[in-house]
Amino acid sequence: MKRIIMFFSALSLTFGLQAQIQTPQASPSQKIEQKVGLTDVSLEYSRPSMKGRSIYGNLVPFDKIWRTGANANTKVTFSDDVEIGNTAVKAGTYAIFTKPGASNWDVYFYTDTNNWGAPEKWDDSKVAAKVNVPTALITVPVETFTITIDDLKNDSATLGIHWDKTYVGVPIKFNTDKIVSASINRAMNGPTAGDYYAAAVYYFEADKDMKQSKEWIDKAMEMTKEPAFYQLRQKSLIYAKAGDKKGAIAAAKESLKLAKEKGNDDYVALNTKSLKEWGAM
């Protein structure tokens, strides 16, 4: 029995030592973050190397869906809507799959990003965008698979795929002008209801000018078609702190009514407590 215990103790020690050994990844991961115009773009992928192997048409077959790298899905994330191959693509994260050819590639932006390699069953309904792009010859072979975000302009960039002697560039359009124009219009049209609300709450919480806070919350409520119970709760607190007890009670009662309709017990309790403190219940 003693020998058996000693054997398993030695075995556990061996496995424990092995678990502490770290070795380099065969295909190291890389993450790139790039601002294009006003849009944040991030790229995550794994980078296999040639290691003397023949790549396209061999290791990576022609005319078959490829994971475009190694290991888990290669993923690209856009913080704003973009346009790829004349197709509008919503802000979000997409897996990049490709179908390499001798002179052209199909590049797919796929909504399901949780595959290890290519999906077992391809689903065309999950293709957010597909673009066919020509290949270009690289005179000096690229040993390690590389994806870049290049040719940066305010409203466009190129997602470049480089490996061996092949380069593929996918043009992407960004809605920078639309975003800037919307920002200009907002600024020229003055503060929004949200701006007034945020300013009022900040002044309230920072114990600043409560008269100003009250003016701002009034403007916010005037500009809001259907104020929510939590907004009216905030209005009641600002009014109370500004010395307008009557206005505070009116706002709290309205907040209480809406909170009951929405089934929010927390705000029902908060408003009830305040109304009792203000002598309204």
C-alpha atoms as a PDB file:
ATOM      1  CA  MET A   1       0.000   0.000   0.000  1.00  0.00           C
ATOM      2  CA  LYS A   2       2.839   2.354   0.893  1.00  0.00           C
ATOM      3  CA  ARG A   3       4.468   1.775  -2.503  1.00  0.00           C
ATOM      4  CA  ILE A   4       1.180   2.467  -4.303  1.00  0.00           C
ATOM      5  CA  ILE A   5       0.738   5.769  -2.460  1.00  0.00           C
ATOM      6  CA  MET A   6       4.326   6.753  -3.261  1.00  0.00           C
ATOM      7  CA  PHE A   7       3.767   5.866  -6.948  1.00  0.00           C
ATOM      8  CA  PHE A   8       0.671   8.053  -7.289  1.00  0.00           C
ATOM      9  CA  SER A   9       2.373  10.869  -5.380  1.00  0.00           C
ATOM     10  CA  ALA A  10       5.261  10.753  -7.842  1.00  0.00           C
ATOM     11  CA  LEU A  11       2.812  10.643 -10.759  1.00  0.00           C
ATOM     12  CA  SER A  12       0.938  13.715  -9.461  1.00  0.00           C
ATOM     13  CA  LEU A  13       4.233  15.558  -9.053  1.00  0.00           C
ATOM     14  CA  THR A  14       5.204  14.663 -12.633  1.00  0.00           C
ATOM     15  CA  PHE A  15       1.917  15.993 -14.073  1.00  0.00           C
ATOM     16  CA  GLY A  16       2.190  19.092 -11.903  1.00  0.00           C
ATOM     17  CA  LEU A  17       5.636  19.821 -13.307  1.00  0.00           C
ATOM     18  CA  GLN A  18       4.429  19.228 -16.865  1.00  0.00           C
ATOM     19  CA  ALA A  19       1.534  21.668 -16.406  1.00  0.00           C
ATOM     20  CA  GLN A  20       3.979  24.437 -15.591  1.00  0.00           C
ATOM     21  CA  ILE A  21       5.883  24.108 -18.863  1.00  0.00           C
ATOM     22  CA  GLN A  22       5.031  26.788 -21.421  1.00  0.00           C
ATOM     23  CA  THR A  23       5.777  26.438 -25.113  1.00  0.00           C
ATOM     24  CA  PRO A  24       5.249  28.851 -28.032  1.00  0.00           C
ATOM     25  CA  GLN A  25       2.049  28.612 -30.059  1.00  0.00           C
ATOM     26  CA  ALA A  26       2.453  27.102 -33.503  1.00  0.00           C
ATOM     27  CA  SER A  27       0.238  29.901 -34.844  1.00  0.00           C
ATOM     28  CA  PRO A  28       0.546  32.901 -32.493  1.00  0.00           C
ATOM     29  CA  SER A  29      -2.484  35.121 -32.035  1.00  0.00           C
ATOM     30  CA  GLN A  30      -2.534  38.801 -32.901  1.00  0.00           C
ATOM     31  CA  LYS A  31      -4.937  41.649 -32.193  1.00  0.00           C
ATOM     32  CA  ILE A  32      -4.956  44.888 -34.185  1.00  0.00           C
ATOM     33  CA  GLU A  33      -6.907  48.029 -33.313  1.00  0.00           C
ATOM     34  CA  GLN A  34      -7.294  50.808 -35.859  1.00  0.00           C
ATOM     35  CA  LYS A  35      -9.339  53.996 -36.037  1.00  0.00           C
ATOM     36  CA  VAL A  36     -10.698  54.705 -39.526  1.00  0.00           C
ATOM     37  CA  GLY A  37     -12.335  58.108 -39.671  1.00  0.00           C
ATOM     38  CA  LEU A  38     -14.474  57.943 -36.518  1.00  0.00           C
ATOM     39  CA  THR A  39     -14.961  54.163 -36.522  1.00  0.00           C
ATOM     40  CA  ASP A  40     -13.029  51.741 -34.319  1.00  0.00           C
ATOM     41  CA  VAL A  41     -11.922  48.583 -36.099  1.00  0.00           C
ATOM     42  CA  SER A  42     -10.377  45.625 -34.291  1.00  0.00           C
ATOM     43  CA  LEU A  43      -9.016  42.434 -35.808  1.00  0.00           C
ATOM     44  CA  GLU A  44      -8.217  39.159 -34.014  1.00  0.00           C
ATOM     45  CA  TYR A  45      -6.623  36.187 -35.742  1.00  0.00           C
ATOM     46  CA  SER A  46      -3.943  33.481 -35.516  1.00  0.00           C
ATOM     47  CA  ARG A  47      -0.844  33.499 -37.706  1.00  0.00           C
ATOM     48  CA  PRO A  48       0.468  30.242 -39.200  1.00  0.00           C
ATOM     49  CA  SER A  49       3.850  30.236 -40.973  1.00  0.00           C
ATOM     50  CA  MET A  50       4.908  28.628 -44.247  1.00  0.00           C
ATOM     51  CA  LYS A  51       7.728  26.494 -42.752  1.00  0.00           C
ATOM     52  CA  GLY A  52       8.766  25.314 -46.189  1.00  0.00           C
ATOM     53  CA  ARG A  53       5.266  24.251 -47.177  1.00  0.00           C
ATOM     54  CA  SER A  54       3.469  25.016 -50.433  1.00  0.00           C
ATOM     55  CA  ILE A  55       0.484  27.168 -49.416  1.00  0.00           C
ATOM     56  CA  TYR A  56      -2.248  28.034 -51.919  1.00  0.00           C
ATOM     57  CA  GLY A  57      -3.532  25.160 -53.997  1.00  0.00           C
ATOM     58  CA  ASN A  58      -1.923  22.749 -51.553  1.00  0.00           C
ATOM     59  CA  LEU A  59      -2.020  23.419 -47.790  1.00  0.00           C
ATOM     60  CA  VAL A  60      -4.893  25.812 -48.484  1.00  0.00           C
ATOM     61  CA  PRO A  61      -6.923  24.245 -51.320  1.00  0.00           C
ATOM     62  CA  PHE A  62      -8.410  26.356 -54.077  1.00  0.00           C
ATOM     63  CA  ASP A  63     -12.191  26.797 -54.294  1.00  0.00           C
ATOM     64  CA  LYS A  64     -12.913  25.612 -50.728  1.00  0.00           C
ATOM     65  CA  ILE A  65     -13.990  27.626 -47.686  1.00  0.00           C
ATOM     66  CA  TRP A  66     -10.948  28.476 -45.555  1.00  0.00           C
ATOM     67  CA  ARG A  67     -10.855  29.770 -41.994  1.00  0.00           C
ATOM     68  CA  THR A  68      -8.426  32.501 -43.155  1.00  0.00           C
ATOM     69  CA  GLY A  69      -5.677  31.890 -40.647  1.00  0.00           C
ATOM     70  CA  ALA A  70      -5.473  29.240 -37.958  1.00  0.00           C
ATOM     71  CA  ASN A  71      -7.268  28.040 -34.820  1.00  0.00           C
ATOM     72  CA  ALA A  72     -10.467  29.926 -33.890  1.00  0.00           C
ATOM     73  CA  ASN A  73     -12.289  32.201 -36.294  1.00  0.00           C
ATOM     74  CA  THR A  74     -10.529  35.262 -37.605  1.00  0.00           C
ATOM     75  CA  LYS A  75     -12.755  38.103 -36.388  1.00  0.00           C
ATOM     76  CA  VAL A  76     -13.206  41.746 -37.320  1.00  0.00           C
ATOM     77  CA  THR A  77     -15.264  44.215 -35.275  1.00  0.00           C
ATOM     78  CA  PHE A  78     -16.700  47.541 -36.460  1.00  0.00           C
ATOM     79  CA  SER A  79     -18.005  50.108 -33.965  1.00  0.00           C
ATOM     80  CA  ASP A  80     -20.201  51.699 -36.666  1.00  0.00           C
ATOM     81  CA  ASP A  81     -22.006  50.514 -39.789  1.00  0.00           C
ATOM     82  CA  VAL A  82     -19.757  50.059 -42.837  1.00  0.00           C
ATOM     83  CA  GLU A  83     -20.094  49.083 -46.476  1.00  0.00           C
ATOM     84  CA  ILE A  84     -18.360  46.061 -48.006  1.00  0.00           C
ATOM     85  CA  GLY A  85     -18.767  45.224 -51.677  1.00  0.00           C
ATOM     86  CA  ASN A  86     -21.750  47.587 -52.023  1.00  0.00           C
ATOM     87  CA  THR A  87     -23.434  45.782 -49.113  1.00  0.00           C
ATOM     88  CA  ALA A  88     -24.342  47.653 -45.920  1.00  0.00           C
ATOM     89  CA  VAL A  89     -22.894  45.861 -42.888  1.00  0.00           C
ATOM     90  CA  LYS A  90     -24.139  46.668 -39.397  1.00  0.00           C
ATOM     91  CA  ALA A  91     -21.798  47.511 -36.541  1.00  0.00           C
ATOM     92  CA  GLY A  92     -20.691  44.313 -34.811  1.00  0.00           C
ATOM     93  CA  THR A  93     -18.293  41.379 -34.975  1.00  0.00           C
ATOM     94  CA  TYR A  94     -17.902  39.092 -37.994  1.00  0.00           C
ATOM     95  CA  ALA A  95     -15.846  36.016 -38.815  1.00  0.00           C
ATOM     96  CA  ILE A  96     -13.795  36.340 -41.990  1.00  0.00           C
ATOM     97  CA  PHE A  97     -13.917  33.296 -44.242  1.00  0.00           C
ATOM     98  CA  THR A  98     -12.432  33.051 -47.712  1.00  0.00           C
ATOM     99  CA  LYS A  99     -12.552  30.815 -50.751  1.00  0.00           C
ATOM    100  CA  PRO A 100      -9.130  31.203 -52.378  1.00  0.00           C
ATOM    101  CA  GLY A 101      -8.782  30.845 -56.124  1.00  0.00           C
ATOM    102  CA  ALA A 102      -5.823  30.998 -58.491  1.00  0.00           C
ATOM    103  CA  SER A 103      -6.625  34.553 -59.597  1.00  0.00           C
ATOM    104  CA  ASN A 104      -9.633  35.641 -57.472  1.00  0.00           C
ATOM    105  CA  TRP A 105     -10.880  35.086 -53.951  1.00  0.00           C
ATOM    106  CA  ASP A 106     -14.335  35.182 -52.433  1.00  0.00           C
ATOM    107  CA  VAL A 107     -14.229  36.879 -49.032  1.00  0.00           C
ATOM    108  CA  TYR A 108     -17.127  36.362 -46.619  1.00  0.00           C
ATOM    109  CA  PHE A 109     -18.117  38.318 -43.511  1.00  0.00           C
ATOM    110  CA  TYR A 110     -20.040  35.780 -41.430  1.00  0.00           C
ATOM    111  CA  THR A 111     -22.259  36.594 -38.450  1.00  0.00           C
ATOM    112  CA  ASP A 112     -21.516  33.342 -36.557  1.00  0.00           C
ATOM    113  CA  THR A 113     -18.080  33.841 -34.972  1.00  0.00           C
ATOM    114  CA  ASN A 114     -18.029  30.848 -32.604  1.00  0.00           C
ATOM    115  CA  ASN A 115     -16.551  28.199 -34.886  1.00  0.00           C
ATOM    116  CA  TRP A 116     -13.179  26.526 -34.676  1.00  0.00           C
ATOM    117  CA  GLY A 117     -12.205  26.738 -38.291  1.00  0.00           C
ATOM    118  CA  ALA A 118     -14.907  26.728 -40.952  1.00  0.00           C
ATOM    119  CA  PRO A 119     -18.501  25.966 -39.881  1.00  0.00           C
ATOM    120  CA  GLU A 120     -19.494  22.294 -40.098  1.00  0.00           C
ATOM    121  CA  LYS A 121     -22.579  23.413 -41.992  1.00  0.00           C
ATOM    122  CA  TRP A 122     -22.336  26.595 -44.044  1.00  0.00           C
ATOM    123  CA  ASP A 123     -25.371  28.886 -43.738  1.00  0.00           C
ATOM    124  CA  ASP A 124     -25.797  31.499 -46.472  1.00  0.00           C
ATOM    125  CA  SER A 125     -28.247  33.421 -44.274  1.00  0.00           C
ATOM    126  CA  LYS A 126     -25.328  34.208 -41.941  1.00  0.00           C
ATOM    127  CA  VAL A 127     -23.293  35.898 -44.696  1.00  0.00           C
ATOM    128  CA  ALA A 128     -23.500  39.622 -43.948  1.00  0.00           C
ATOM    129  CA  ALA A 129     -21.400  40.482 -46.999  1.00  0.00           C
ATOM    130  CA  LYS A 130     -19.501  38.717 -49.754  1.00  0.00           C
ATOM    131  CA  VAL A 131     -16.986  40.284 -52.093  1.00  0.00           C
ATOM    132  CA  ASN A 132     -14.913  38.833 -54.934  1.00  0.00           C
ATOM    133  CA  VAL A 133     -11.447  40.363 -55.203  1.00  0.00           C
ATOM    134  CA  PRO A 134      -8.462  39.685 -57.464  1.00  0.00           C
ATOM    135  CA  THR A 135      -5.164  38.382 -56.141  1.00  0.00           C
ATOM    136  CA  ALA A 136      -1.888  40.271 -56.539  1.00  0.00           C
ATOM    137  CA  LEU A 137       1.626  38.863 -56.689  1.00  0.00           C
ATOM    138  CA  ILE A 138       4.025  39.584 -53.827  1.00  0.00           C
ATOM    139  CA  THR A 139       7.601  39.552 -55.111  1.00  0.00           C
ATOM    140  CA  VAL A 140       9.133  38.670 -51.731  1.00  0.00           C
ATOM    141  CA  PRO A 141       7.277  35.781 -50.020  1.00  0.00           C
ATOM    142  CA  VAL A 142       5.612  36.554 -46.681  1.00  0.00           C
ATOM    143  CA  GLU A 143       6.595  33.760 -44.297  1.00  0.00           C
ATOM    144  CA  THR A 144       3.901  34.349 -41.653  1.00  0.00           C
ATOM    145  CA  PHE A 145       0.227  34.838 -42.467  1.00  0.00           C
ATOM    146  CA  THR A 146      -0.613  38.527 -42.019  1.00  0.00           C
ATOM    147  CA  ILE A 147      -3.764  40.635 -42.105  1.00  0.00           C
ATOM    148  CA  THR A 148      -3.498  44.424 -42.167  1.00  0.00           C
ATOM    149  CA  ILE A 149      -5.758  47.471 -42.218  1.00  0.00           C
ATOM    150  CA  ASP A 150      -4.123  49.819 -44.697  1.00  0.00           C
ATOM    151  CA  ASP A 151      -4.724  52.607 -47.251  1.00  0.00           C
ATOM    152  CA  LEU A 152      -6.348  54.660 -44.509  1.00  0.00           C
ATOM    153  CA  LYS A 153      -8.568  57.564 -45.518  1.00  0.00           C
ATOM    154  CA  ASN A 154     -11.344  59.346 -43.656  1.00  0.00           C
ATOM    155  CA  ASP A 155     -13.986  57.174 -45.278  1.00  0.00           C
ATOM    156  CA  SER A 156     -12.220  54.041 -46.488  1.00  0.00           C
ATOM    157  CA  ALA A 157      -9.553  51.435 -45.767  1.00  0.00           C
ATOM    158  CA  THR A 158      -8.309  48.154 -47.183  1.00  0.00           C
ATOM    159  CA  LEU A 159      -8.297  44.895 -45.265  1.00  0.00           C
ATOM    160  CA  GLY A 160      -5.203  43.195 -46.678  1.00  0.00           C
ATOM    161  CA  ILE A 161      -4.440  39.467 -46.556  1.00  0.00           C
ATOM    162  CA  HIS A 162      -0.749  38.615 -47.136  1.00  0.00           C
ATOM    163  CA  TRP A 163       0.843  35.159 -47.239  1.00  0.00           C
ATOM    164  CA  ASP A 164       3.421  33.423 -49.375  1.00  0.00           C
ATOM    165  CA  LYS A 165       3.400  35.340 -52.689  1.00  0.00           C
ATOM    166  CA  THR A 166      -0.301  36.231 -52.641  1.00  0.00           C
ATOM    167  CA  TYR A 167      -1.974  39.468 -51.582  1.00  0.00           C
ATOM    168  CA  VAL A 168      -5.719  40.066 -51.446  1.00  0.00           C
ATOM    169  CA  GLY A 169      -7.156  43.481 -50.617  1.00  0.00           C
ATOM    170  CA  VAL A 170     -10.764  43.982 -49.511  1.00  0.00           C
ATOM    171  CA  PRO A 171     -11.961  47.613 -49.787  1.00  0.00           C
ATOM    172  CA  ILE A 172     -14.202  48.799 -46.956  1.00  0.00           C
ATOM    173  CA  LYS A 173     -16.179  52.049 -46.943  1.00  0.00           C
ATOM    174  CA  PHE A 174     -16.917  53.919 -43.716  1.00  0.00           C
ATOM    175  CA  ASN A 175     -19.809  56.268 -43.048  1.00  0.00           C
ATOM    176  CA  THR A 176     -17.595  59.004 -41.655  1.00  0.00           C
ATOM    177  CA  ASP A 177     -19.318  61.851 -43.483  1.00  0.00           C
ATOM    178  CA  LYS A 178     -22.724  60.668 -42.274  1.00  0.00           C
ATOM    179  CA  ILE A 179     -21.485  60.490 -38.665  1.00  0.00           C
ATOM    180  CA  VAL A 180     -19.797  63.900 -38.834  1.00  0.00           C
ATOM    181  CA  SER A 181     -22.829  65.509 -40.501  1.00  0.00           C
ATOM    182  CA  ALA A 182     -25.134  64.101 -37.823  1.00  0.00           C
ATOM    183  CA  SER A 183     -22.787  65.424 -35.138  1.00  0.00           C
ATOM    184  CA  ILE A 184     -22.727  68.873 -36.762  1.00  0.00           C
ATOM    185  CA  ASN A 185     -26.515  68.938 -37.030  1.00  0.00           C
ATOM    186  CA  ARG A 186     -26.888  67.981 -33.374  1.00  0.00           C
ATOM    187  CA  ALA A 187     -24.455  70.677 -32.310  1.00  0.00           C
ATOM    188  CA  MET A 188     -26.052  73.342 -34.507  1.00  0.00           C
ATOM    189  CA  ASN A 189     -29.530  72.438 -33.279  1.00  0.00           C
ATOM    190  CA  GLY A 190     -28.519  72.853 -29.652  1.00  0.00           C
ATOM    191  CA  PRO A 191     -28.509  70.427 -26.722  1.00  0.00           C
ATOM    192  CA  THR A 192     -30.738  67.356 -26.796  1.00  0.00           C
ATOM    193  CA  ALA A 193     -33.093  66.200 -24.057  1.00  0.00           C
ATOM    194  CA  GLY A 194     -30.405  63.752 -23.010  1.00  0.00           C
ATOM    195  CA  ASP A 195     -27.848  66.540 -22.741  1.00  0.00           C
ATOM    196  CA  TYR A 196     -30.127  68.612 -20.512  1.00  0.00           C
ATOM    197  CA  TYR A 197     -31.001  65.562 -18.404  1.00  0.00           C
ATOM    198  CA  ALA A 198     -27.363  64.537 -17.903  1.00  0.00           C
ATOM    199  CA  ALA A 199     -26.361  68.110 -16.985  1.00  0.00           C
ATOM    200  CA  ALA A 200     -29.246  68.424 -14.501  1.00  0.00           C
ATOM    201  CA  VAL A 201     -28.416  65.128 -12.797  1.00  0.00           C
ATOM    202  CA  TYR A 202     -24.731  66.009 -12.603  1.00  0.00           C
ATOM    203  CA  TYR A 203     -25.469  69.362 -10.941  1.00  0.00           C
ATOM    204  CA  PHE A 204     -27.828  67.613  -8.516  1.00  0.00           C
ATOM    205  CA  GLU A 205     -25.327  64.914  -7.544  1.00  0.00           C
ATOM    206  CA  ALA A 206     -22.411  67.371  -7.343  1.00  0.00           C
ATOM    207  CA  ASP A 207     -24.360  69.801  -5.101  1.00  0.00           C
ATOM    208  CA  LYS A 208     -23.918  72.609  -7.609  1.00  0.00           C
ATOM    209  CA  ASP A 209     -26.413  75.306  -8.639  1.00  0.00           C
ATOM    210  CA  MET A 210     -29.817  73.701  -7.994  1.00  0.00           C
ATOM    211  CA  LYS A 211     -31.690  76.508  -9.723  1.00  0.00           C
ATOM    212  CA  GLN A 212     -29.765  75.695 -12.894  1.00  0.00           C
ATOM    213  CA  SER A 213     -30.308  71.966 -12.353  1.00  0.00           C
ATOM    214  CA  LYS A 214     -34.060  72.576 -12.085  1.00  0.00           C
ATOM    215  CA  GLU A 215     -34.107  74.614 -15.312  1.00  0.00           C
ATOM    216  CA  TRP A 216     -32.250  71.887 -17.172  1.00  0.00           C
ATOM    217  CA  ILE A 217     -34.475  69.058 -15.915  1.00  0.00           C
ATOM    218  CA  ASP A 218     -37.518  71.091 -16.992  1.00  0.00           C
ATOM    219  CA  LYS A 219     -36.085  71.481 -20.503  1.00  0.00           C
ATOM    220  CA  ALA A 220     -35.260  67.778 -20.639  1.00  0.00           C
ATOM    221  CA  MET A 221     -38.811  66.823 -19.669  1.00  0.00           C
ATOM    222  CA  GLU A 222     -40.315  69.313 -22.138  1.00  0.00           C
ATOM    223  CA  MET A 223     -38.293  67.741 -24.946  1.00  0.00           C
ATOM    224  CA  THR A 224     -39.144  64.175 -23.925  1.00  0.00           C
ATOM    225  CA  LYS A 225     -42.428  62.924 -25.376  1.00  0.00           C
ATOM    226  CA  GLU A 226     -43.065  60.288 -22.697  1.00  0.00           C
ATOM    227  CA  PRO A 227     -40.733  60.686 -19.690  1.00  0.00           C
ATOM    228  CA  ALA A 228     -39.891  57.408 -17.930  1.00  0.00           C
ATOM    229  CA  PHE A 229     -40.604  56.800 -14.257  1.00  0.00           C
ATOM    230  CA  TYR A 230     -36.901  56.944 -13.393  1.00  0.00           C
ATOM    231  CA  GLN A 231     -36.565  60.325 -15.125  1.00  0.00           C
ATOM    232  CA  LEU A 232     -39.541  61.703 -13.218  1.00  0.00           C
ATOM    233  CA  ARG A 233     -38.053  60.315 -10.016  1.00  0.00           C
ATOM    234  CA  GLN A 234     -34.909  62.300 -10.706  1.00  0.00           C
ATOM    235  CA  LYS A 235     -37.015  65.381 -11.414  1.00  0.00           C
ATOM    236  CA  SER A 236     -38.758  65.040  -8.051  1.00  0.00           C
ATOM    237  CA  LEU A 237     -35.433  64.829  -6.210  1.00  0.00           C
ATOM    238  CA  ILE A 238     -34.057  67.889  -8.029  1.00  0.00           C
ATOM    239  CA  TYR A 239     -37.223  69.870  -7.278  1.00  0.00           C
ATOM    240  CA  ALA A 240     -37.059  68.873  -3.609  1.00  0.00           C
ATOM    241  CA  LYS A 241     -33.422  69.882  -3.330  1.00  0.00           C
ATOM    242  CA  ALA A 242     -34.181  73.169  -5.101  1.00  0.00           C
ATOM    243  CA  GLY A 243     -36.863  73.933  -2.489  1.00  0.00           C
ATOM    244  CA  ASP A 244     -39.916  73.331  -4.716  1.00  0.00           C
ATOM    245  CA  LYS A 245     -41.766  70.838  -2.518  1.00  0.00           C
ATOM    246  CA  LYS A 246     -45.029  71.108  -4.440  1.00  0.00           C
ATOM    247  CA  GLY A 247     -43.298  70.366  -7.748  1.00  0.00           C
ATOM    248  CA  ALA A 248     -41.362  67.502  -6.142  1.00  0.00           C
ATOM    249  CA  ILE A 249     -44.574  65.882  -4.899  1.00  0.00           C
ATOM    250  CA  ALA A 250     -46.238  66.214  -8.310  1.00  0.00           C
ATOM    251  CA  ALA A 251     -43.284  64.611 -10.076  1.00  0.00           C
ATOM    252  CA  ALA A 252     -43.018  61.836  -7.476  1.00  0.00           C
ATOM    253  CA  LYS A 253     -46.708  60.987  -7.825  1.00  0.00           C
ATOM    254  CA  GLU A 254     -46.358  60.762 -11.605  1.00  0.00           C
ATOM    255  CA  SER A 255     -43.235  58.596 -11.232  1.00  0.00           C
ATOM    256  CA  LEU A 256     -45.060  56.364  -8.733  1.00  0.00           C
ATOM    257  CA  LYS A 257     -47.993  55.903 -11.120  1.00  0.00           C
ATOM    258  CA  LEU A 258     -45.731  54.897 -14.027  1.00  0.00           C
ATOM    259  CA  ALA A 259     -43.590  52.641 -11.820  1.00  0.00           C
ATOM    260  CA  LYS A 260     -46.718  50.760 -10.726  1.00  0.00           C
ATOM    261  CA  GLU A 261     -47.808  50.379 -14.363  1.00  0.00           C
ATOM    262  CA  LYS A 262     -44.381  49.018 -15.301  1.00  0.00           C
ATOM    263  CA  GLY A 263     -44.272  46.736 -12.245  1.00  0.00           C
ATOM    264  CA  ASN A 264     -41.064  48.282 -10.897  1.00  0.00           C
ATOM    265  CA  ASP A 265     -41.304  47.668  -7.148  1.00  0.00           C
ATOM    266  CA  ASP A 266     -38.029  49.445  -6.373  1.00  0.00           C
ATOM    267  CA  TYR A 267     -39.233  52.770  -7.738  1.00  0.00           C
ATOM    268  CA  VAL A 268     -42.663  52.283  -6.165  1.00  0.00           C
ATOM    269  CA  ALA A 269     -40.933  51.961  -2.799  1.00  0.00           C
ATOM    270  CA  LEU A 270     -38.599  54.918  -3.419  1.00  0.00           C
ATOM    271  CA  ASN A 271     -41.392  57.255  -4.464  1.00  0.00           C
ATOM    272  CA  THR A 272     -43.649  56.127  -1.641  1.00  0.00           C
ATOM    273  CA  LYS A 273     -40.912  56.812   0.903  1.00  0.00           C
ATOM    274  CA  SER A 274     -40.234  60.307  -0.515  1.00  0.00           C
ATOM    275  CA  LEU A 275     -43.918  61.215  -0.625  1.00  0.00           C
ATOM    276  CA  LYS A 276     -44.277  60.222   3.020  1.00  0.00           C
ATOM    277  CA  GLU A 277     -41.234  62.317   3.938  1.00  0.00           C
ATOM    278  CA  TRP A 278     -42.714  65.296   2.059  1.00  0.00           C
ATOM    279  CA  GLY A 279     -46.061  64.880   3.847  1.00  0.00           C
ATOM    280  CA  ALA A 280     -47.995  63.843   0.770  1.00  0.00           C
ATOM    281  CA  MET A 281     -49.059  60.379   2.013  1.00  0.00           C
END
